[in-house]
N, C-alpha and C. Protein backbone atom coordinates (compact mmCIF):
# COMPACT_ATOMS: atom_id res chain seq x y z
N MET A 1 44.46 1.56 21.82
CA MET A 1 44.72 0.67 22.91
C MET A 1 45.18 -0.67 22.35
N LYS A 2 46.17 -1.27 23.01
CA LYS A 2 46.68 -2.55 22.56
C LYS A 2 45.66 -3.65 22.79
N ARG A 3 45.64 -4.58 21.91
CA ARG A 3 44.76 -5.73 22.04
C ARG A 3 45.48 -6.83 22.80
N PHE A 4 44.76 -7.49 23.68
CA PHE A 4 45.35 -8.58 24.44
C PHE A 4 45.51 -9.80 23.54
N ARG A 5 46.69 -10.35 23.53
CA ARG A 5 46.95 -11.57 22.78
C ARG A 5 47.64 -12.55 23.73
N PRO A 6 46.98 -13.67 24.01
CA PRO A 6 47.60 -14.66 24.91
C PRO A 6 48.78 -15.35 24.24
N GLN A 7 49.70 -15.80 25.07
CA GLN A 7 50.84 -16.54 24.55
C GLN A 7 50.36 -17.87 23.99
N SER A 8 51.07 -18.37 23.02
CA SER A 8 50.65 -19.64 22.43
C SER A 8 50.71 -20.74 23.49
N GLY A 9 49.70 -21.59 23.47
CA GLY A 9 49.62 -22.67 24.44
C GLY A 9 48.82 -22.31 25.68
N PHE A 10 48.45 -21.02 25.84
CA PHE A 10 47.68 -20.60 27.00
C PHE A 10 46.20 -20.55 26.62
N VAL A 11 45.36 -20.84 27.59
CA VAL A 11 43.91 -20.75 27.41
C VAL A 11 43.42 -19.56 28.23
N VAL A 12 42.62 -18.74 27.61
CA VAL A 12 42.06 -17.58 28.30
C VAL A 12 40.58 -17.83 28.50
N GLN A 13 40.15 -17.66 29.73
CA GLN A 13 38.75 -17.87 30.05
C GLN A 13 38.24 -16.65 30.80
N ALA A 14 37.10 -16.15 30.42
CA ALA A 14 36.54 -14.96 31.06
C ALA A 14 35.22 -15.32 31.71
N PHE A 15 34.90 -14.61 32.76
CA PHE A 15 33.65 -14.80 33.47
C PHE A 15 32.93 -13.48 33.58
N ARG A 16 31.64 -13.51 33.55
CA ARG A 16 30.83 -12.32 33.74
C ARG A 16 29.88 -12.61 34.90
N PHE A 17 29.88 -11.69 35.86
CA PHE A 17 29.04 -11.87 37.03
C PHE A 17 28.02 -10.75 37.08
N ALA A 18 26.87 -11.06 37.58
CA ALA A 18 25.83 -10.06 37.77
C ALA A 18 25.48 -10.02 39.25
N LEU A 19 25.37 -8.83 39.79
CA LEU A 19 24.96 -8.68 41.18
C LEU A 19 23.45 -8.77 41.26
N ASP A 20 22.98 -9.44 42.27
CA ASP A 20 21.54 -9.53 42.50
C ASP A 20 21.29 -9.26 43.98
N PRO A 21 21.50 -7.99 44.40
CA PRO A 21 21.39 -7.69 45.83
C PRO A 21 19.94 -7.64 46.30
N ASN A 22 19.74 -7.98 47.56
CA ASN A 22 18.41 -7.78 48.14
C ASN A 22 18.27 -6.30 48.46
N ALA A 23 17.16 -5.90 49.03
CA ALA A 23 16.89 -4.48 49.26
C ALA A 23 17.92 -3.84 50.19
N ALA A 24 18.29 -4.54 51.25
CA ALA A 24 19.26 -3.98 52.20
C ALA A 24 20.63 -3.86 51.56
N GLN A 25 21.03 -4.85 50.78
CA GLN A 25 22.32 -4.81 50.11
C GLN A 25 22.36 -3.71 49.06
N GLU A 26 21.25 -3.53 48.34
CA GLU A 26 21.21 -2.46 47.34
C GLU A 26 21.33 -1.09 47.99
N THR A 27 20.67 -0.94 49.14
CA THR A 27 20.79 0.32 49.87
C THR A 27 22.23 0.57 50.28
N ALA A 28 22.90 -0.47 50.77
CA ALA A 28 24.31 -0.33 51.18
C ALA A 28 25.19 -0.01 49.97
N LEU A 29 24.96 -0.67 48.83
CA LEU A 29 25.74 -0.39 47.63
C LEU A 29 25.57 1.06 47.19
N ARG A 30 24.33 1.51 47.18
CA ARG A 30 24.06 2.89 46.78
C ARG A 30 24.69 3.88 47.76
N SER A 31 24.66 3.56 49.04
CA SER A 31 25.26 4.43 50.03
C SER A 31 26.77 4.52 49.85
N HIS A 32 27.42 3.38 49.58
CA HIS A 32 28.86 3.39 49.37
C HIS A 32 29.24 4.16 48.10
N CYS A 33 28.47 3.97 47.04
CA CYS A 33 28.75 4.72 45.80
C CYS A 33 28.50 6.22 46.02
N GLY A 34 27.47 6.53 46.79
CA GLY A 34 27.21 7.94 47.12
C GLY A 34 28.33 8.53 47.97
N GLY A 35 28.89 7.72 48.86
CA GLY A 35 30.01 8.17 49.68
C GLY A 35 31.24 8.44 48.82
N ALA A 36 31.48 7.57 47.85
CA ALA A 36 32.61 7.78 46.94
C ALA A 36 32.41 9.05 46.13
N ARG A 37 31.19 9.28 45.66
CA ARG A 37 30.89 10.47 44.87
C ARG A 37 31.03 11.73 45.74
N ALA A 38 30.56 11.66 46.99
CA ALA A 38 30.67 12.81 47.89
C ALA A 38 32.12 13.14 48.18
N ALA A 39 32.95 12.13 48.39
CA ALA A 39 34.38 12.36 48.65
C ALA A 39 35.06 12.94 47.41
N TYR A 40 34.71 12.44 46.24
CA TYR A 40 35.26 12.96 44.99
C TYR A 40 34.89 14.44 44.84
N ASN A 41 33.61 14.74 45.02
CA ASN A 41 33.15 16.13 44.87
C ASN A 41 33.80 17.04 45.91
N TRP A 42 33.96 16.54 47.14
CA TRP A 42 34.63 17.34 48.16
C TRP A 42 36.06 17.66 47.71
N ALA A 43 36.78 16.64 47.23
CA ALA A 43 38.18 16.83 46.81
C ALA A 43 38.28 17.82 45.65
N VAL A 44 37.40 17.69 44.68
CA VAL A 44 37.41 18.61 43.54
C VAL A 44 37.16 20.04 44.02
N GLY A 45 36.21 20.20 44.91
CA GLY A 45 35.92 21.53 45.44
C GLY A 45 37.05 22.09 46.28
N TRP A 46 37.65 21.24 47.10
CA TRP A 46 38.72 21.68 48.01
C TRP A 46 39.96 22.12 47.23
N VAL A 47 40.36 21.34 46.24
CA VAL A 47 41.55 21.68 45.46
C VAL A 47 41.29 22.86 44.54
N SER A 48 40.19 22.82 43.82
CA SER A 48 39.94 23.89 42.84
C SER A 48 39.62 25.23 43.51
N ALA A 49 39.15 25.22 44.76
CA ALA A 49 38.89 26.49 45.45
C ALA A 49 40.16 27.31 45.59
N SER A 50 41.27 26.63 45.89
CA SER A 50 42.53 27.39 46.01
C SER A 50 42.97 27.90 44.65
N TRP A 51 42.71 27.15 43.59
CA TRP A 51 43.07 27.61 42.24
C TRP A 51 42.31 28.87 41.88
N TRP A 52 41.00 28.85 42.12
CA TRP A 52 40.18 30.02 41.79
C TRP A 52 40.54 31.20 42.68
N GLN A 53 40.86 30.93 43.95
CA GLN A 53 41.26 32.01 44.85
C GLN A 53 42.55 32.66 44.36
N ARG A 54 43.52 31.84 43.95
CA ARG A 54 44.79 32.37 43.43
C ARG A 54 44.55 33.21 42.17
N ARG A 55 43.68 32.71 41.31
CA ARG A 55 43.38 33.45 40.08
C ARG A 55 42.78 34.81 40.40
N ALA A 56 41.86 34.85 41.37
CA ALA A 56 41.25 36.13 41.75
C ALA A 56 42.29 37.06 42.38
N GLU A 57 43.15 36.51 43.23
CA GLU A 57 44.19 37.33 43.87
C GLU A 57 45.15 37.91 42.84
N GLU A 58 45.46 37.14 41.80
CA GLU A 58 46.35 37.64 40.75
C GLU A 58 45.75 38.84 40.04
N THR A 59 44.43 38.85 39.87
CA THR A 59 43.78 39.99 39.21
C THR A 59 43.84 41.25 40.08
N TYR A 60 44.00 41.06 41.39
CA TYR A 60 44.11 42.21 42.30
C TYR A 60 45.55 42.71 42.39
N GLY A 61 46.47 42.04 41.71
CA GLY A 61 47.86 42.48 41.72
C GLY A 61 48.65 41.99 42.92
N ILE A 62 48.18 40.96 43.58
CA ILE A 62 48.90 40.42 44.74
C ILE A 62 50.11 39.65 44.23
N GLY A 63 51.24 39.82 44.90
CA GLY A 63 52.48 39.18 44.49
C GLY A 63 52.47 37.68 44.70
N GLU A 64 53.35 36.98 43.99
CA GLU A 64 53.41 35.51 44.04
C GLU A 64 53.61 35.00 45.47
N GLY A 65 54.43 35.66 46.25
CA GLY A 65 54.71 35.21 47.61
C GLY A 65 53.53 35.32 48.56
N GLU A 66 52.57 36.18 48.23
CA GLU A 66 51.43 36.41 49.12
C GLU A 66 50.16 35.70 48.64
N LEU A 67 50.23 34.99 47.53
CA LEU A 67 49.04 34.29 47.03
C LEU A 67 48.69 33.11 47.92
N THR A 68 47.45 32.69 47.87
CA THR A 68 47.00 31.51 48.59
C THR A 68 47.84 30.32 48.18
N GLN A 69 48.17 29.48 49.14
CA GLN A 69 48.99 28.30 48.86
C GLN A 69 48.25 27.32 47.95
N TRP A 70 49.02 26.63 47.10
CA TRP A 70 48.45 25.54 46.30
C TRP A 70 48.03 24.44 47.25
N ARG A 71 46.93 23.79 46.97
CA ARG A 71 46.52 22.64 47.77
C ARG A 71 46.95 21.38 47.02
N PRO A 72 47.64 20.48 47.72
CA PRO A 72 48.10 19.27 47.04
C PRO A 72 46.94 18.33 46.74
N TRP A 73 47.07 17.57 45.66
CA TRP A 73 46.00 16.65 45.28
C TRP A 73 46.45 15.20 45.31
N SER A 74 47.56 14.91 45.95
CA SER A 74 47.97 13.50 46.05
C SER A 74 46.97 12.77 46.93
N LEU A 75 46.86 11.48 46.75
CA LEU A 75 45.92 10.69 47.55
C LEU A 75 46.22 10.81 49.04
N PRO A 76 47.47 10.69 49.49
CA PRO A 76 47.71 10.84 50.93
C PRO A 76 47.30 12.22 51.46
N ALA A 77 47.56 13.27 50.69
CA ALA A 77 47.19 14.62 51.13
C ALA A 77 45.68 14.78 51.20
N LEU A 78 44.98 14.24 50.19
CA LEU A 78 43.52 14.33 50.20
C LEU A 78 42.93 13.52 51.35
N ARG A 79 43.47 12.33 51.60
CA ARG A 79 42.98 11.51 52.72
C ARG A 79 43.19 12.22 54.05
N LYS A 80 44.36 12.80 54.22
CA LYS A 80 44.66 13.49 55.48
C LYS A 80 43.68 14.63 55.72
N GLU A 81 43.45 15.44 54.70
CA GLU A 81 42.53 16.57 54.85
C GLU A 81 41.09 16.10 55.01
N PHE A 82 40.69 15.07 54.25
CA PHE A 82 39.33 14.55 54.36
C PHE A 82 39.08 14.00 55.76
N ASN A 83 40.06 13.28 56.30
CA ASN A 83 39.90 12.73 57.65
C ASN A 83 39.79 13.84 58.69
N ALA A 84 40.40 14.97 58.42
CA ALA A 84 40.32 16.10 59.35
C ALA A 84 38.95 16.78 59.31
N VAL A 85 38.29 16.78 58.15
CA VAL A 85 37.03 17.51 58.04
C VAL A 85 35.78 16.64 58.09
N LYS A 86 35.91 15.34 57.94
CA LYS A 86 34.72 14.50 57.81
C LYS A 86 33.84 14.49 59.06
N ARG A 87 34.42 14.72 60.23
CA ARG A 87 33.64 14.72 61.47
C ARG A 87 32.94 16.05 61.72
N THR A 88 33.44 17.12 61.12
CA THR A 88 32.90 18.44 61.41
C THR A 88 32.13 19.04 60.23
N ASP A 89 32.44 18.63 59.02
CA ASP A 89 31.76 19.16 57.84
C ASP A 89 30.31 18.67 57.84
N PRO A 90 29.34 19.57 57.77
CA PRO A 90 27.93 19.15 57.81
C PRO A 90 27.53 18.22 56.66
N ARG A 91 28.30 18.22 55.56
CA ARG A 91 27.99 17.32 54.45
C ARG A 91 28.25 15.86 54.81
N PHE A 92 29.15 15.61 55.78
CA PHE A 92 29.56 14.24 56.11
C PHE A 92 29.26 13.84 57.55
N ALA A 93 29.15 14.80 58.45
CA ALA A 93 29.12 14.53 59.88
C ALA A 93 28.06 13.50 60.29
N GLY A 94 26.91 13.51 59.65
CA GLY A 94 25.83 12.63 60.08
C GLY A 94 25.89 11.21 59.53
N TRP A 95 26.67 10.98 58.49
CA TRP A 95 26.57 9.66 57.86
C TRP A 95 27.89 9.04 57.40
N TRP A 96 29.02 9.67 57.59
CA TRP A 96 30.26 9.12 57.05
C TRP A 96 30.61 7.78 57.68
N GLU A 97 30.18 7.52 58.91
CA GLU A 97 30.50 6.25 59.57
C GLU A 97 29.69 5.07 59.00
N ASP A 98 28.65 5.35 58.22
CA ASP A 98 27.80 4.28 57.69
C ASP A 98 28.47 3.48 56.58
N ASN A 99 29.54 4.00 56.01
CA ASN A 99 30.19 3.36 54.87
C ASN A 99 31.62 2.96 55.21
N SER A 100 32.15 2.08 54.38
CA SER A 100 33.54 1.67 54.52
C SER A 100 34.46 2.84 54.16
N LYS A 101 35.60 2.90 54.82
CA LYS A 101 36.56 3.95 54.50
C LYS A 101 37.06 3.81 53.07
N GLU A 102 36.99 2.60 52.53
CA GLU A 102 37.45 2.37 51.16
C GLU A 102 36.54 3.05 50.15
N ALA A 103 35.27 3.22 50.48
CA ALA A 103 34.37 3.93 49.57
C ALA A 103 34.85 5.37 49.39
N TYR A 104 35.20 6.02 50.49
CA TYR A 104 35.69 7.40 50.42
C TYR A 104 37.05 7.44 49.76
N SER A 105 37.88 6.46 50.08
CA SER A 105 39.21 6.41 49.49
C SER A 105 39.14 6.27 47.97
N THR A 106 38.16 5.52 47.49
CA THR A 106 37.98 5.36 46.04
C THR A 106 37.65 6.71 45.39
N GLY A 107 36.76 7.46 46.00
CA GLY A 107 36.42 8.77 45.47
C GLY A 107 37.61 9.71 45.49
N LEU A 108 38.38 9.68 46.57
CA LEU A 108 39.56 10.54 46.67
C LEU A 108 40.64 10.12 45.67
N ALA A 109 40.80 8.80 45.48
CA ALA A 109 41.79 8.31 44.50
C ALA A 109 41.40 8.73 43.09
N ASN A 110 40.12 8.67 42.78
CA ASN A 110 39.66 9.09 41.45
C ASN A 110 39.87 10.59 41.25
N ALA A 111 39.66 11.38 42.31
CA ALA A 111 39.90 12.82 42.21
C ALA A 111 41.39 13.10 42.01
N ALA A 112 42.24 12.40 42.75
CA ALA A 112 43.68 12.58 42.60
C ALA A 112 44.12 12.23 41.18
N ALA A 113 43.58 11.14 40.64
CA ALA A 113 43.92 10.74 39.27
C ALA A 113 43.41 11.77 38.27
N ALA A 114 42.22 12.32 38.51
CA ALA A 114 41.66 13.32 37.60
C ALA A 114 42.53 14.58 37.58
N PHE A 115 42.98 15.03 38.75
CA PHE A 115 43.86 16.20 38.79
C PHE A 115 45.21 15.92 38.16
N ASP A 116 45.73 14.71 38.36
CA ASP A 116 46.98 14.34 37.70
C ASP A 116 46.83 14.34 36.19
N ASN A 117 45.74 13.76 35.70
CA ASN A 117 45.50 13.74 34.26
C ASN A 117 45.37 15.16 33.70
N TYR A 118 44.71 16.02 34.44
CA TYR A 118 44.55 17.40 33.99
C TYR A 118 45.91 18.11 33.93
N ALA A 119 46.70 17.94 34.99
CA ALA A 119 48.00 18.63 35.04
C ALA A 119 48.93 18.13 33.94
N THR A 120 48.99 16.82 33.72
CA THR A 120 49.87 16.31 32.68
C THR A 120 49.37 16.69 31.29
N SER A 121 48.05 16.76 31.13
CA SER A 121 47.49 17.19 29.85
C SER A 121 47.81 18.67 29.61
N LYS A 122 47.68 19.46 30.63
CA LYS A 122 47.94 20.90 30.52
C LYS A 122 49.42 21.16 30.18
N GLN A 123 50.31 20.32 30.72
CA GLN A 123 51.74 20.47 30.46
C GLN A 123 52.15 19.85 29.12
N GLY A 124 51.24 19.16 28.45
CA GLY A 124 51.55 18.53 27.17
C GLY A 124 52.27 17.20 27.31
N LYS A 125 52.28 16.62 28.50
CA LYS A 125 52.97 15.36 28.74
C LYS A 125 52.05 14.15 28.63
N ARG A 126 50.77 14.37 28.42
CA ARG A 126 49.80 13.28 28.36
C ARG A 126 49.42 13.03 26.92
N ARG A 127 49.47 11.75 26.55
CA ARG A 127 49.06 11.40 25.19
C ARG A 127 47.54 11.38 25.11
N GLY A 128 47.05 11.52 23.91
CA GLY A 128 45.61 11.51 23.71
C GLY A 128 45.05 12.92 23.70
N LYS A 129 43.72 12.98 23.73
CA LYS A 129 43.09 14.29 23.66
C LYS A 129 43.25 15.04 24.97
N LYS A 130 43.11 16.35 24.89
CA LYS A 130 43.26 17.21 26.06
C LYS A 130 42.20 16.87 27.10
N VAL A 131 42.60 16.97 28.36
CA VAL A 131 41.71 16.69 29.47
C VAL A 131 41.41 17.99 30.18
N GLY A 132 40.15 18.24 30.46
CA GLY A 132 39.77 19.46 31.15
C GLY A 132 39.91 19.33 32.66
N MET A 133 39.72 20.44 33.33
CA MET A 133 39.79 20.46 34.79
C MET A 133 38.70 19.56 35.35
N PRO A 134 39.00 18.80 36.41
CA PRO A 134 37.97 17.92 36.99
C PRO A 134 36.73 18.70 37.38
N ARG A 135 35.58 18.09 37.14
CA ARG A 135 34.30 18.71 37.46
C ARG A 135 33.59 17.86 38.51
N PHE A 136 32.58 18.45 39.12
CA PHE A 136 31.79 17.73 40.10
C PHE A 136 31.03 16.60 39.42
N SER A 137 30.91 15.51 40.14
CA SER A 137 30.17 14.35 39.64
C SER A 137 28.73 14.44 40.12
N ARG A 138 27.81 14.16 39.22
CA ARG A 138 26.39 14.20 39.56
C ARG A 138 25.90 12.80 39.90
N ASN A 139 24.77 12.73 40.53
CA ASN A 139 24.14 11.46 40.84
C ASN A 139 23.86 10.73 39.53
N GLY A 140 24.25 9.48 39.45
CA GLY A 140 24.04 8.71 38.24
C GLY A 140 25.29 8.54 37.43
N LYS A 141 26.32 9.35 37.68
CA LYS A 141 27.59 9.18 36.99
C LYS A 141 28.46 8.27 37.83
N ALA A 142 29.17 7.38 37.20
CA ALA A 142 29.97 6.40 37.92
C ALA A 142 31.23 7.01 38.49
N VAL A 143 31.34 7.03 39.79
CA VAL A 143 32.57 7.40 40.48
C VAL A 143 33.02 6.19 41.28
N CYS A 144 32.08 5.33 41.58
CA CYS A 144 32.34 4.20 42.46
C CYS A 144 33.40 3.25 41.92
N PRO A 145 33.32 2.77 40.68
CA PRO A 145 34.35 1.85 40.22
C PRO A 145 35.66 2.61 40.03
N ALA A 146 36.71 2.12 40.66
CA ALA A 146 38.01 2.76 40.53
C ALA A 146 38.59 2.40 39.18
N GLY A 147 38.51 3.31 38.23
CA GLY A 147 38.97 3.03 36.88
C GLY A 147 40.44 3.28 36.68
N SER A 148 41.06 3.96 37.62
CA SER A 148 42.48 4.24 37.45
C SER A 148 43.17 4.12 38.80
N PRO A 149 44.44 3.79 38.80
CA PRO A 149 45.15 3.66 40.07
C PRO A 149 45.31 5.01 40.74
N PRO A 150 45.48 5.01 42.06
CA PRO A 150 45.65 6.27 42.77
C PRO A 150 46.88 7.02 42.28
N ALA A 151 46.76 8.31 42.19
CA ALA A 151 47.89 9.14 41.77
C ALA A 151 48.85 9.29 42.94
N ARG A 152 50.12 9.40 42.64
CA ARG A 152 51.10 9.49 43.70
C ARG A 152 51.84 10.81 43.72
N SER A 153 51.57 11.68 42.78
CA SER A 153 52.31 12.94 42.76
C SER A 153 51.38 14.10 43.09
N ALA A 154 51.96 15.09 43.68
CA ALA A 154 51.21 16.31 43.94
C ALA A 154 52.19 17.41 44.29
N SER A 155 51.78 18.55 44.14
CA SER A 155 52.44 19.78 44.57
C SER A 155 51.71 20.89 43.88
N SER A 156 52.39 21.67 43.11
CA SER A 156 51.69 22.75 42.43
C SER A 156 51.25 22.28 41.06
N PRO A 157 50.08 22.75 40.61
CA PRO A 157 49.62 22.39 39.28
C PRO A 157 50.53 22.95 38.19
N ALA A 158 50.22 22.58 37.00
CA ALA A 158 51.00 23.04 35.86
C ALA A 158 51.02 24.57 35.82
N ALA A 159 52.10 25.10 35.37
CA ALA A 159 52.22 26.56 35.30
C ALA A 159 51.17 27.14 34.38
N GLY A 160 50.63 28.23 34.77
CA GLY A 160 49.68 28.92 33.91
C GLY A 160 48.25 28.54 34.16
N MET A 161 47.98 27.79 35.22
CA MET A 161 46.59 27.43 35.50
C MET A 161 45.96 28.42 36.42
């Protein structure tokens, strides 16, 4: 990774902040992070289910034209599908309104980025070490901070998956 070097004559100043939430704020923070994790896990399950279904169908000798359709993993596609199921899916129906839509969007954006990283790694277009297929996030693993920008591409995964 490149090291940041300021231009000559510029002063760089950094700040570090610590959150000190009260009990109600901490509950809200945990709920929002849990919402992001739930949306991420939903997206990973929704996209990878079609991959596993296609793999099983291929073992039965089903032709390419009759296989289950690829599910897109772009952020807009994931948002559209999530918005369609969040009111009826028992995993979300009782509590999705308690959090900001941005919490769910963060989880979906991270899932889209994870699938993009996997596909580019599988195709050999990604620098660095190989990236595996996205996995479910467990409680305690950070999904809440958006570490990467939302992915903008989707369609079919890399050939051979």
